[in-house]
Each structure stands twice: as structure tokens, then as C-alpha cells.
Amino acid sequence: MKNHGSKRNRRDIIRFATLTGLLTFVPISTDLYLPAIPMMTAELGSTISQSQLTLSLFMLGVACGQVIFGPLSDQFGRLPVIRLGTLTFVGFSLLSSLAWNIEYMWLARVAQGAAAASGAVISRALIRDRYEGNRAAQMMALTGAAMASVPLVAPSLGAYITVEFGWRFTFVAQSLFAVLVYLGLSSLQTKPSRPTSDIKTKLTLGDIAVSFKDCLSNPKFLGYQVAGTLSFCGLFIYLSTVSFFLTDVFRVPTQFFGLAFAMTVVGFVIGSLLSSRLVMKWGQDKTLHRGTFVCVLTNSAVLLLTLYLPSSTVGFAILSILFFFGIGLISANASMGAVSLYPHKAGAASAVYGCIHSLSSATMGAIAGLLYAGRLLEPVSLMLLCSVGALFGSALIHRSRHHAI
């Protein structure tokens, strides 16, 4: 009996690690690669804005991939589709390491992003399949906190790999990570997401369009979408410019980039862990709402700091930690709140949420790259604008709940 319990605990640990690994496909593809961007820029003979575009194009791929993998997992089952997606991610990560010019890298990153999307969209659906309501948001927050260990270590690891072996090996490392996740997929035994009799023989663009229409015509889904998407847009603006402004504004050498970045990500870890507790006390909507307030307040303070004390490294670091903390309170509650509204087509709802989430992030990241002028004013102003938009999304959730009552 004791041995049986031990085996079950071991399987639960492997399942949790695998779900976290799937969620990690997207962040590891950005965070491990961030310190390599300056070296890649020099070797491929590109400009800063052209190299930054590889981040936005990757997110464009993530957006498109979620529209494909989410509905497919509803139709054919989570496990077969995620196995295909994981193997595809391994392949395109290796192909990205072979880039000989920036145009090749653009194409490779779009394809890699589409494959990485399988992990993000299906892991959300898997959590929704297994858990309900606030408990689903709690599990999403816990896996999100575990996932945040990647931003804590990936930039430092990426900087080490870049300095010792070259920027191309950061992509080789991404493929090796995905191989490990693939080995754990057998632990994700799932029930069919829909009754067999309901499964269609062919998935059409019309089906996908209907999913978008159904979700986006629901005011509460729209509120979760706006709050989760715009808060992450603020974070992605930070990610898109951090490798440049740490050097340009704060004179942080490349070898210390990982440590400087990890300090801010600690805020996300704490926020996610605290969210996993607060959501059972406050509920996901109130926890999310307070997270949006944190983001607005901290970004307002950063803007003031930028205008009056632009080289205050300590002040910027503290406020960045608080901003990431706010994102930690929002992220899991927004995604699970949206997906939980459609329990019978969680893959499709996850695809709609994730597609808009990623497409918006790619757009804002590209805008941040184009506007970046070697200072903090432009990215910080955009981050504040996104945070105010996220607060509006939270207000929409609150209004929709009261109208429903």
C-alpha cells in the first residue's frame, strides 16, 4: 500500500514537472536567447531593431500555432497532439541554430514559435480538464511559479552558453530541454476532451472562427482577455528591450545580464506563489484586480523615476520586482478564468485566449523595438499604457459579474 502511494506521488511529481515544462516552451525560447541577441546581431550583420524583431516574430508564430493546436487537441485528444507539437519544437529549435542571415532567423523563429504554442495552449486545457474554478487557477499559479524558475536561471545560463560556445548553442539547449519534456508526456494520461460521438472528421476554419466569435462576444471572457493580454504586453515590452537598456542606461555587462534579470523575475515567482494561496481566499477575480492595481502603480512610479532619476539602478530594480509581482497575481487567474468559461471546448477557448495574447505581445514588442532610443522613457511609457488597459479589463470582469447577478 505504501509502495503504491509512493508510485502515485512520483507520477504526480512527473506530471506536474511535465505540465510546467510544456508551459516553459515559450519563455525558454525567449529568456535563454535574450543574452545572445547582441552577439547574433553582430554575426548576422543585422541592426538592433531587426534582431529584436526575432522576438516579436516568435510570438507571432506562438499566436498562429495556438489556433491550430488548441482545436486539434479538442478533436483528437491532448496527448497525441502535444507529442507532435513537442517533436516539432525540437526540430525547429535545431533549425534556428543554423541561421546564416537575419531573414532565415525570422522564418525559423516564426516556425519555432508555432511549435512552442502547442505546450502553452494544451497545458492550459489539460489543467482545465483536471481541475475546476479557483482550484484550476491555483494549479495554474503553481505551475506558473515553477515555470518562473526558467527566467531565474535561463538568462544566466544563456549568457554562459553564449560566451563559452556561441549564440547558436542556446537553440541546441532549447531542443534538449524539449526532449526531456517529451519523455515525461506519458504521465499525462487524459480522458477524451469530448465524447467520441461528437468528434468531427475534419476541423475547418469555420469552426475556429466560431470559437473566436463565441469567446469574444462574452463580456467576461473579453475582460479576462484584456487584463491578461495587456499586462503581459507590458512584460513583453520589458523583455524586448531589457538586453539593450541594461547596457545603455545602467551599464550592466553581458556576463551579469542573467543575474540582473533574475532579480526582477523573483517578483513573478513570489506573485504566482502568493496568488495560489490568495485565489482560494479572495477568488480569482479579486486577486487579478489587485494585481492590475500593482502594475499601474509601479509603472507610474517607474515613469516618474525615469523622468527625474534616470540612472537610479536600485530604484528601478525594486520597482521592476514589484511589476513582475503584479503580473504573477494576474497571469494564472486571467488565463484560467477565460478557459473555465468553456469547459466543453477548453482547447479552443485556450487557443483564442493564447492567440490574441501572443499576437498582441508580438505587436507591442515590435513597437517597443522601433521606438527604443537608448533610454527608458519609451518602453516605460508603453508599459504604463498597457497596465492601465489591463486595469480596464479587470473592471470589465467586475461589471460582467454584477450584470450576471
Protein backbone atom coordinates (compact mmCIF):
# COMPACT_ATOMS: atom_id res chain seq x y z
CA MET A 1 0.00 0.00 0.00
CA LYS A 2 2.84 2.33 0.93
CA ASN A 3 4.69 1.43 -2.26
CA HIS A 4 1.54 2.16 -4.29
CA GLY A 5 1.27 5.60 -2.65
CA SER A 6 4.93 6.28 -3.38
CA LYS A 7 4.44 5.43 -7.05
CA ARG A 8 1.42 7.70 -7.25
CA ASN A 9 3.34 10.57 -5.65
CA ARG A 10 6.19 10.04 -8.08
CA ARG A 11 3.76 10.09 -11.02
CA ASP A 12 2.16 13.28 -9.66
CA ILE A 13 5.58 14.94 -9.46
CA ILE A 14 6.42 13.88 -13.01
CA ARG A 15 3.02 15.10 -14.23
CA PHE A 16 3.49 18.48 -12.53
CA ALA A 17 7.03 18.80 -13.93
CA THR A 18 5.82 17.89 -17.42
CA LEU A 19 2.95 20.41 -17.34
CA THR A 20 5.41 23.05 -16.16
CA GLY A 21 7.82 22.04 -18.94
CA LEU A 22 5.10 22.45 -21.56
CA LEU A 23 4.28 25.93 -20.25
CA THR A 24 8.01 26.67 -20.39
CA PHE A 25 8.40 26.18 -24.16
CA VAL A 26 7.62 29.84 -24.81
CA PRO A 27 9.66 31.51 -22.01
CA ILE A 28 12.71 29.30 -22.52
CA SER A 29 12.67 30.25 -26.20
CA THR A 30 12.96 33.91 -25.25
CA ASP A 31 14.82 34.02 -21.93
CA LEU A 32 17.64 31.62 -22.83
CA TYR A 33 18.10 33.55 -26.07
CA LEU A 34 17.97 37.14 -24.74
CA PRO A 35 21.68 37.40 -23.78
CA ALA A 36 22.62 36.02 -27.21
CA ILE A 37 20.89 38.77 -29.20
CA PRO A 38 23.83 41.25 -29.28
CA MET A 39 26.28 38.53 -30.44
CA MET A 40 23.79 37.25 -33.03
CA THR A 41 23.23 40.83 -34.24
CA ALA A 42 26.96 41.27 -34.85
CA GLU A 43 27.48 37.87 -36.51
CA LEU A 44 24.47 38.11 -38.84
CA GLY A 45 25.19 41.75 -39.68
CA SER A 46 21.74 42.96 -38.64
CA THR A 47 20.52 46.02 -36.76
CA ILE A 48 19.15 46.12 -33.20
CA SER A 49 15.56 46.56 -34.41
CA GLN A 50 15.96 43.69 -36.93
CA SER A 51 17.26 41.38 -34.22
CA GLN A 52 14.57 42.46 -31.76
CA LEU A 53 12.03 41.51 -34.43
CA THR A 54 13.01 37.85 -33.92
CA LEU A 55 11.23 38.06 -30.53
CA SER A 56 8.07 39.57 -31.98
CA LEU A 57 8.00 37.14 -34.92
CA PHE A 58 8.43 34.26 -32.49
CA MET A 59 5.34 35.49 -30.62
CA LEU A 60 3.51 35.81 -33.95
CA GLY A 61 4.28 32.11 -34.50
CA VAL A 62 3.01 31.35 -31.00
CA ALA A 63 -0.25 33.14 -31.82
CA CYS A 64 -0.81 31.19 -35.04
CA GLY A 65 0.24 27.87 -33.51
CA GLN A 66 -2.29 28.10 -30.69
CA VAL A 67 -5.14 28.48 -33.19
CA ILE A 68 -4.01 25.19 -34.73
CA PHE A 69 -3.02 23.08 -31.73
CA GLY A 70 -5.87 24.09 -29.38
CA PRO A 71 -8.81 22.95 -31.55
CA LEU A 72 -6.85 19.90 -32.73
CA SER A 73 -6.43 18.79 -29.12
CA ASP A 74 -10.20 19.08 -28.61
CA GLN A 75 -10.75 16.90 -31.67
CA PHE A 76 -8.00 14.27 -31.49
CA GLY A 77 -7.10 14.30 -27.78
CA ARG A 78 -4.47 16.21 -25.81
CA LEU A 79 -1.70 13.60 -25.73
CA PRO A 80 -1.27 12.77 -29.45
CA VAL A 81 -1.31 16.45 -30.41
CA ILE A 82 1.15 17.56 -27.72
CA ARG A 83 3.55 14.77 -28.71
CA LEU A 84 3.52 16.06 -32.27
CA GLY A 85 3.97 19.64 -31.09
CA THR A 86 6.91 18.77 -28.84
CA LEU A 87 8.77 16.91 -31.58
CA THR A 88 8.15 19.81 -33.96
CA PHE A 89 9.58 22.21 -31.38
CA VAL A 90 12.73 20.08 -31.11
CA GLY A 91 13.17 20.20 -34.89
CA PHE A 92 12.64 23.92 -35.38
CA SER A 93 14.88 24.79 -32.41
CA LEU A 94 17.72 22.93 -34.13
CA LEU A 95 16.95 24.61 -37.45
CA SER A 96 17.09 28.03 -35.75
CA SER A 97 20.67 27.30 -34.68
CA LEU A 98 21.71 27.05 -38.36
CA ALA A 99 20.73 30.59 -39.39
CA TRP A 100 23.13 32.30 -41.78
CA ASN A 101 21.29 35.62 -42.09
CA ILE A 102 18.59 37.56 -40.26
CA GLU A 103 15.90 36.73 -42.82
CA TYR A 104 16.43 32.99 -42.22
CA MET A 105 16.23 33.62 -38.48
CA TRP A 106 12.93 35.46 -38.89
CA LEU A 107 11.39 32.46 -40.67
CA ALA A 108 12.88 29.94 -38.24
CA ARG A 109 11.60 31.86 -35.23
CA VAL A 110 8.06 32.03 -36.60
CA ALA A 111 8.10 28.24 -37.10
CA GLN A 112 9.65 27.63 -33.68
CA GLY A 113 7.01 29.85 -32.07
CA ALA A 114 4.20 27.93 -33.78
CA ALA A 115 5.59 24.68 -32.37
CA ALA A 116 6.15 26.17 -28.90
CA ALA A 117 2.49 27.17 -28.88
CA SER A 118 1.48 23.54 -28.51
CA GLY A 119 2.89 23.47 -24.98
CA ALA A 120 1.19 26.69 -23.87
CA VAL A 121 -2.27 26.04 -25.30
CA ILE A 122 -2.57 22.35 -24.42
CA SER A 123 -1.17 22.67 -20.89
CA ARG A 124 -3.89 25.23 -20.06
CA ALA A 125 -6.52 22.86 -21.47
CA LEU A 126 -5.06 19.92 -19.53
CA ILE A 127 -5.25 21.85 -16.26
CA ARG A 128 -8.84 22.86 -17.05
CA ASP A 129 -9.70 19.22 -17.86
CA ARG A 130 -8.45 18.10 -14.48
CA TYR A 131 -9.47 20.93 -12.13
CA GLU A 132 -12.41 23.33 -11.62
CA GLY A 133 -12.80 27.04 -10.78
CA ASN A 134 -10.44 28.56 -8.22
CA ARG A 135 -8.63 25.22 -7.90
CA ALA A 136 -7.75 25.39 -11.62
CA ALA A 137 -6.44 28.93 -11.13
CA GLN A 138 -4.45 27.72 -8.12
CA MET A 139 -2.82 24.92 -10.13
CA MET A 140 -2.08 27.32 -12.97
CA ALA A 141 -0.44 29.69 -10.49
CA LEU A 142 1.67 26.87 -9.02
CA THR A 143 2.85 25.67 -12.43
CA GLY A 144 3.43 29.33 -13.35
CA ALA A 145 5.60 29.81 -10.27
CA ALA A 146 7.58 26.69 -11.15
CA MET A 147 7.83 27.89 -14.74
CA ALA A 148 9.27 31.17 -13.45
CA SER A 149 12.36 29.28 -12.34
CA VAL A 150 13.27 29.35 -16.04
CA PRO A 151 13.57 33.16 -16.20
CA LEU A 152 15.53 32.97 -12.95
CA VAL A 153 18.21 30.71 -14.41
CA ALA A 154 17.80 30.83 -18.21
CA PRO A 155 19.35 34.28 -18.84
CA SER A 156 22.41 33.38 -16.74
CA LEU A 157 22.66 30.00 -18.46
CA GLY A 158 22.10 31.66 -21.82
CA ALA A 159 24.84 34.21 -21.12
CA TYR A 160 27.23 31.39 -20.14
CA ILE A 161 26.39 29.35 -23.26
CA THR A 162 26.75 32.43 -25.46
CA VAL A 163 30.14 33.41 -24.05
CA GLU A 164 31.57 29.86 -23.96
CA PHE A 165 30.03 28.24 -27.05
CA GLY A 166 28.36 30.95 -29.12
CA TRP A 167 24.78 32.10 -29.57
CA ARG A 168 23.77 29.14 -31.77
CA PHE A 169 24.08 26.71 -28.87
CA THR A 170 21.28 28.48 -26.99
CA PHE A 171 18.92 26.90 -29.55
CA VAL A 172 20.53 23.49 -29.17
CA ALA A 173 19.88 23.76 -25.42
CA GLN A 174 16.20 24.56 -26.11
CA SER A 175 15.83 21.40 -28.19
CA LEU A 176 17.44 19.26 -25.48
CA PHE A 177 15.01 20.68 -22.93
CA ALA A 178 12.08 19.73 -25.16
CA VAL A 179 13.40 16.17 -25.46
CA LEU A 180 13.26 15.86 -21.66
CA VAL A 181 9.68 17.14 -21.64
CA TYR A 182 8.76 14.62 -24.34
CA LEU A 183 9.98 11.79 -22.11
CA GLY A 184 7.53 12.90 -19.40
CA LEU A 185 4.45 13.13 -21.63
CA SER A 186 3.36 9.56 -20.89
CA SER A 187 2.49 10.72 -17.35
CA LEU A 188 -0.30 12.92 -18.74
CA GLN A 189 -3.00 10.28 -19.06
CA THR A 190 -6.10 12.09 -20.14
CA LYS A 191 -9.73 11.36 -20.75
CA PRO A 192 -11.15 12.34 -24.15
CA SER A 193 -11.88 16.06 -24.19
CA ARG A 194 -15.19 15.40 -25.93
CA PRO A 195 -17.41 12.35 -26.36
CA THR A 196 -16.21 10.21 -29.24
CA SER A 197 -19.55 10.56 -30.99
CA ASP A 198 -19.12 14.37 -31.08
CA ILE A 199 -15.73 14.31 -32.79
CA LYS A 200 -15.80 15.61 -36.34
CA THR A 201 -13.84 14.05 -39.14
CA LYS A 202 -12.39 17.38 -40.22
CA LEU A 203 -11.55 20.63 -38.48
CA THR A 204 -12.46 23.69 -40.57
CA LEU A 205 -11.56 27.36 -40.47
CA GLY A 206 -15.25 27.99 -39.86
CA ASP A 207 -15.04 26.04 -36.58
CA ILE A 208 -12.11 28.19 -35.48
CA ALA A 209 -13.91 31.41 -36.49
CA VAL A 210 -16.98 30.34 -34.49
CA SER A 211 -14.79 29.77 -31.42
CA PHE A 212 -13.39 33.30 -31.72
CA LYS A 213 -16.89 34.75 -32.15
CA ASP A 214 -18.32 32.85 -29.18
CA CYS A 215 -15.47 33.76 -26.84
CA LEU A 216 -15.05 37.40 -27.81
CA SER A 217 -18.80 38.11 -27.67
CA ASN A 218 -18.75 37.06 -23.99
CA PRO A 219 -18.01 40.24 -21.94
CA LYS A 220 -16.46 38.28 -19.07
CA PHE A 221 -14.12 36.35 -21.42
CA LEU A 222 -13.23 39.68 -23.02
CA GLY A 223 -12.38 41.13 -19.61
CA TYR A 224 -10.06 38.23 -18.79
CA GLN A 225 -8.55 38.54 -22.27
CA VAL A 226 -7.85 42.26 -21.97
CA ALA A 227 -6.47 42.03 -18.41
CA GLY A 228 -4.23 39.03 -19.11
CA THR A 229 -3.08 40.17 -22.54
CA LEU A 230 -2.26 43.80 -21.82
CA SER A 231 -0.49 43.01 -18.55
CA PHE A 232 1.68 40.51 -20.42
CA CYS A 233 2.24 43.06 -23.20
CA GLY A 234 3.83 45.28 -20.57
CA LEU A 235 6.07 42.41 -19.52
CA PHE A 236 6.96 41.63 -23.14
CA ILE A 237 7.92 45.25 -23.79
CA TYR A 238 10.34 44.83 -20.89
CA LEU A 239 11.68 41.57 -22.34
CA SER A 240 12.06 43.07 -25.81
CA THR A 241 14.23 45.95 -24.64
CA VAL A 242 15.91 44.75 -21.43
CA SER A 243 19.02 43.32 -23.15
CA PHE A 244 19.65 46.80 -24.57
CA PHE A 245 18.66 49.21 -21.79
CA LEU A 246 20.55 47.31 -19.09
CA THR A 247 23.69 48.10 -21.10
CA ASP A 248 22.73 51.53 -22.49
CA VAL A 249 21.19 53.03 -19.34
CA PHE A 250 22.64 51.07 -16.41
CA ARG A 251 25.96 49.88 -17.96
CA VAL A 252 25.41 46.25 -16.95
CA PRO A 253 27.97 43.96 -18.72
CA THR A 254 26.63 40.95 -20.69
CA GLN A 255 28.01 38.41 -18.21
CA PHE A 256 25.89 39.94 -15.43
CA PHE A 257 22.74 40.23 -17.53
CA GLY A 258 21.29 36.96 -16.20
CA LEU A 259 21.72 37.97 -12.56
CA ALA A 260 20.19 41.40 -13.12
CA PHE A 261 17.23 39.90 -14.97
CA ALA A 262 16.73 37.10 -12.42
CA MET A 263 16.33 39.66 -9.63
CA THR A 264 13.22 41.09 -11.29
CA VAL A 265 11.74 37.66 -12.09
CA VAL A 266 11.81 36.84 -8.36
CA GLY A 267 8.81 39.15 -8.18
CA PHE A 268 6.85 36.95 -10.58
CA VAL A 269 7.68 33.82 -8.59
CA ILE A 270 6.52 35.42 -5.34
CA GLY A 271 3.40 36.81 -7.03
CA SER A 272 2.47 33.43 -8.52
CA LEU A 273 3.04 31.55 -5.26
CA LEU A 274 1.04 34.12 -3.31
CA SER A 275 -1.67 34.01 -5.96
CA SER A 276 -2.01 30.24 -5.49
CA ARG A 277 -2.94 30.93 -1.86
CA LEU A 278 -4.92 34.14 -2.26
CA VAL A 279 -7.12 32.73 -5.02
CA MET A 280 -8.62 30.23 -2.55
CA LYS A 281 -9.39 33.11 -0.15
CA TRP A 282 -10.30 36.00 -2.44
CA GLY A 283 -11.25 34.19 -5.65
CA GLN A 284 -9.53 34.64 -9.00
CA ASP A 285 -11.29 37.89 -9.97
CA LYS A 286 -10.34 39.87 -6.86
CA THR A 287 -6.76 38.53 -6.95
CA LEU A 288 -6.45 39.55 -10.61
CA HIS A 289 -7.93 43.01 -9.92
CA ARG A 290 -5.40 43.75 -7.21
CA GLY A 291 -2.60 42.59 -9.48
CA THR A 292 -3.62 45.15 -12.12
CA PHE A 293 -3.51 47.90 -9.47
CA VAL A 294 0.04 46.86 -8.53
CA CYS A 295 1.12 47.08 -12.19
CA VAL A 296 -0.39 50.54 -12.71
CA LEU A 297 1.14 51.93 -9.52
CA THR A 298 4.62 50.50 -10.11
CA ASN A 299 4.78 51.59 -13.76
CA SER A 300 3.64 55.08 -12.77
CA ALA A 301 6.47 55.18 -10.24
CA VAL A 302 8.97 53.91 -12.83
CA LEU A 303 7.91 56.65 -15.25
CA LEU A 304 8.50 59.30 -12.57
CA LEU A 305 11.86 57.74 -11.76
CA THR A 306 12.79 57.75 -15.45
CA LEU A 307 11.96 61.45 -15.74
CA TYR A 308 13.73 62.62 -12.59
CA LEU A 309 16.31 59.96 -11.61
CA PRO A 310 17.00 58.04 -14.84
CA SER A 311 20.16 56.29 -13.62
CA SER A 312 18.76 55.04 -10.28
CA THR A 313 19.63 51.35 -10.64
CA VAL A 314 18.38 50.33 -7.19
CA GLY A 315 15.08 52.17 -7.56
CA PHE A 316 14.45 50.68 -10.99
CA ALA A 317 15.30 47.17 -9.76
CA ILE A 318 12.87 47.39 -6.81
CA LEU A 319 10.04 48.71 -8.97
CA SER A 320 10.70 46.07 -11.63
CA ILE A 321 10.39 43.34 -8.99
CA LEU A 322 7.05 44.84 -7.89
CA PHE A 323 5.83 44.99 -11.50
CA PHE A 324 6.65 41.32 -12.06
CA PHE A 325 4.92 40.58 -8.74
CA GLY A 326 1.75 42.18 -10.11
CA ILE A 327 1.97 40.08 -13.29
CA GLY A 328 2.24 36.99 -11.07
CA LEU A 329 -1.10 37.88 -9.46
CA ILE A 330 -2.76 38.38 -12.85
CA SER A 331 -1.42 35.74 -15.21
CA ALA A 332 -2.89 32.44 -13.99
CA ASN A 333 -6.18 33.97 -12.92
CA ALA A 334 -6.77 35.63 -16.29
CA SER A 335 -5.97 32.53 -18.36
CA MET A 336 -7.89 30.06 -16.18
CA GLY A 337 -10.78 32.48 -15.77
CA ALA A 338 -11.15 32.70 -19.55
CA VAL A 339 -10.70 28.99 -20.32
CA SER A 340 -13.00 27.89 -17.47
CA LEU A 341 -15.93 29.67 -19.11
CA TYR A 342 -15.92 26.96 -21.83
CA PRO A 343 -15.33 23.58 -20.12
CA HIS A 344 -16.50 21.52 -23.12
CA LYS A 345 -14.08 23.15 -25.56
CA ALA A 346 -11.19 24.16 -23.34
CA GLY A 347 -8.66 23.69 -26.16
CA ALA A 348 -10.48 26.10 -28.45
CA ALA A 349 -11.00 28.68 -25.68
CA SER A 350 -7.34 28.36 -24.70
CA ALA A 351 -6.41 28.89 -28.37
CA VAL A 352 -8.47 32.08 -28.64
CA TYR A 353 -7.03 33.45 -25.42
CA GLY A 354 -3.47 32.45 -26.30
CA CYS A 355 -3.62 33.63 -29.92
CA ILE A 356 -4.73 37.16 -29.03
CA HIS A 357 -2.36 37.16 -26.05
CA SER A 358 0.65 36.29 -28.23
CA LEU A 359 -0.31 38.41 -31.24
CA SER A 360 -0.74 41.48 -29.07
CA SER A 361 2.58 40.81 -27.32
CA ALA A 362 4.35 40.47 -30.67
CA THR A 363 2.89 43.76 -31.86
CA MET A 364 3.79 45.68 -28.72
CA GLY A 365 7.27 44.15 -28.68
CA ALA A 366 7.85 45.28 -32.27
CA ILE A 367 6.60 48.78 -31.47
CA ALA A 368 8.89 48.91 -28.42
CA GLY A 369 11.85 47.89 -30.57
CA LEU A 370 11.10 50.55 -33.19
CA LEU A 371 10.65 53.30 -30.58
CA TYR A 372 13.67 52.35 -28.46
CA ALA A 373 16.18 55.20 -28.46
CA GLY A 374 18.77 54.11 -25.90
CA ARG A 375 16.73 55.27 -22.90
CA LEU A 376 13.88 54.08 -20.65
CA LEU A 377 11.23 56.70 -21.44
CA GLU A 378 9.65 54.98 -24.45
CA PRO A 379 9.41 51.39 -23.13
CA VAL A 380 8.26 52.56 -19.69
CA SER A 381 5.53 54.77 -21.20
CA LEU A 382 4.26 51.82 -23.24
CA MET A 383 4.30 49.57 -20.17
CA LEU A 384 2.21 52.07 -18.22
CA LEU A 385 -0.28 52.33 -21.07
CA CYS A 386 -0.65 48.54 -21.13
CA SER A 387 -1.10 48.38 -17.35
CA VAL A 388 -3.92 50.93 -17.46
CA GLY A 389 -5.56 48.83 -20.20
CA ALA A 390 -5.25 45.72 -18.01
CA LEU A 391 -6.99 47.57 -15.18
CA PHE A 392 -9.82 48.39 -17.59
CA GLY A 393 -10.11 44.66 -18.41
CA SER A 394 -10.38 43.89 -14.70
CA ALA A 395 -13.18 46.44 -14.38
CA LEU A 396 -14.98 44.74 -17.27
CA ILE A 397 -14.84 41.40 -15.41
CA HIS A 398 -16.30 43.06 -12.30
CA ARG A 399 -19.08 44.69 -14.32
CA SER A 400 -19.92 41.44 -16.14
CA ARG A 401 -20.16 39.53 -12.85
CA HIS A 402 -22.59 42.06 -11.38
CA HIS A 403 -24.72 42.08 -14.55
CA ALA A 404 -24.88 38.28 -14.37
CA ILE A 405 -26.19 38.53 -10.81
